[in-house]
């Protein structure tokens, strides 16, 4: 795997999610969309950060989530708090 890393020991879950998202049963021609770890400007790390945001947004809001009503209520409440209230909510709960 060209995107294999030697120093990233924390993004195993992101790699696993990406593999499940892109692997269609054939290694030949598999388009995984990740750069090599040693690419300048840490492109792979930026890709992993983008994927992390994508997955953290999609999982709680998926139609199969049995708690989606509570999740959306919590998000609305959080958004209505304003800047100072949001910071308090993030660090106090």
Protein backbone atom coordinates (compact mmCIF):
# COMPACT_ATOMS: atom_id res chain seq x y z
CA UNK A 1 0.00 0.00 0.00
CA UNK A 2 1.56 3.22 -1.14
CA UNK A 3 -0.09 5.24 1.64
CA UNK A 4 1.36 3.09 4.43
CA UNK A 5 2.81 5.18 7.25
CA UNK A 6 5.75 4.69 9.57
CA UNK A 7 5.21 7.49 12.07
CA UNK A 8 1.42 7.95 12.29
CA UNK A 9 0.22 5.77 15.15
CA UNK A 10 -3.09 7.53 15.88
CA UNK A 11 -5.13 7.51 12.66
CA UNK A 12 -5.75 3.75 12.36
CA UNK A 13 -9.51 4.30 12.53
CA UNK A 14 -9.43 6.91 9.78
CA UNK A 15 -7.42 4.57 7.54
CA UNK A 16 -9.85 1.71 8.29
CA UNK A 17 -12.87 3.88 7.46
CA UNK A 18 -11.24 5.04 4.22
CA UNK A 19 -10.46 1.46 3.25
CA UNK A 20 -14.07 0.38 3.86
CA UNK A 21 -15.31 3.40 1.92
CA UNK A 22 -13.14 2.83 -1.17
CA UNK A 23 -12.33 -0.90 -1.43
CA UNK A 24 -14.66 -2.65 -3.88
CA UNK A 25 -13.15 -6.14 -3.86
CA UNK A 26 -10.27 -5.66 -6.30
CA UNK A 27 -6.78 -4.52 -5.35
CA UNK A 28 -5.87 -3.87 -8.98
CA UNK A 29 -7.18 -0.44 -9.87
CA UNK A 30 -8.15 0.38 -6.25
CA UNK A 31 -8.38 4.15 -5.96
CA UNK A 32 -7.91 4.97 -2.29
CA UNK A 33 -7.19 8.67 -2.73
CA UNK A 34 -4.49 9.10 -0.08
CA UNK A 35 -1.06 10.55 -0.68
CA UNK A 36 2.15 8.98 0.59
CA UNK A 37 3.23 9.94 4.10
CA UNK A 38 6.44 11.59 2.90
CA UNK A 39 4.79 14.01 0.48
CA UNK A 40 5.89 17.61 1.19
CA UNK A 41 3.51 19.96 3.00
CA UNK A 42 1.98 17.05 4.95
CA UNK A 43 -0.67 16.49 2.29
CA UNK A 44 -1.61 13.08 3.68
CA UNK A 45 -2.14 14.56 7.15
CA UNK A 46 -4.39 17.26 5.69
CA UNK A 47 -6.33 14.55 3.84
CA UNK A 48 -6.72 12.59 7.09
CA UNK A 49 -7.94 15.72 8.89
CA UNK A 50 -10.52 16.29 6.14
CA UNK A 51 -11.67 12.67 6.37
CA UNK A 52 -11.89 12.93 10.18
CA UNK A 53 -14.24 15.93 9.82
CA UNK A 54 -16.27 14.14 7.15
CA UNK A 55 -16.75 11.02 9.29
CA UNK A 56 -17.48 12.90 12.51
CA UNK A 57 -20.23 14.82 10.72
CA UNK A 58 -21.78 11.89 8.84
CA UNK A 59 -21.87 9.21 11.55
CA UNK A 60 -24.04 11.03 14.13
CA UNK A 61 -26.37 12.38 11.43
CA UNK A 62 -26.88 9.07 9.59
CA UNK A 63 -30.49 7.92 9.22
CA UNK A 64 -29.70 4.65 11.05
CA UNK A 65 -28.64 6.54 14.19
CA UNK A 66 -31.35 5.80 16.74
CA UNK A 67 -30.33 8.91 18.72
CA UNK A 68 -30.44 11.36 15.81
CA UNK A 69 -33.22 13.42 17.40
CA UNK A 70 -31.15 13.95 20.54
CA UNK A 71 -28.04 14.70 18.46
CA UNK A 72 -29.79 17.37 16.41
CA UNK A 73 -31.37 18.92 19.54
CA UNK A 74 -27.94 19.10 21.18
CA UNK A 75 -26.40 20.70 18.09
CA UNK A 76 -29.17 23.31 17.91
CA UNK A 77 -28.78 24.08 21.61
CA UNK A 78 -25.01 24.40 21.19
CA UNK A 79 -25.34 26.72 18.18
CA UNK A 80 -27.74 28.98 20.09
CA UNK A 81 -25.34 29.43 23.02
CA UNK A 82 -23.12 32.06 21.42
CA UNK A 83 -19.31 32.16 21.58
CA UNK A 84 -18.71 32.31 25.35
CA UNK A 85 -21.43 29.77 26.13
CA UNK A 86 -20.07 27.39 23.54
CA UNK A 87 -16.60 27.48 25.05
CA UNK A 88 -18.06 26.84 28.50
CA UNK A 89 -20.14 23.93 27.17
CA UNK A 90 -17.14 22.40 25.41
CA UNK A 91 -14.87 22.47 28.41
CA UNK A 92 -17.31 21.93 31.28
CA UNK A 93 -19.22 18.89 30.02
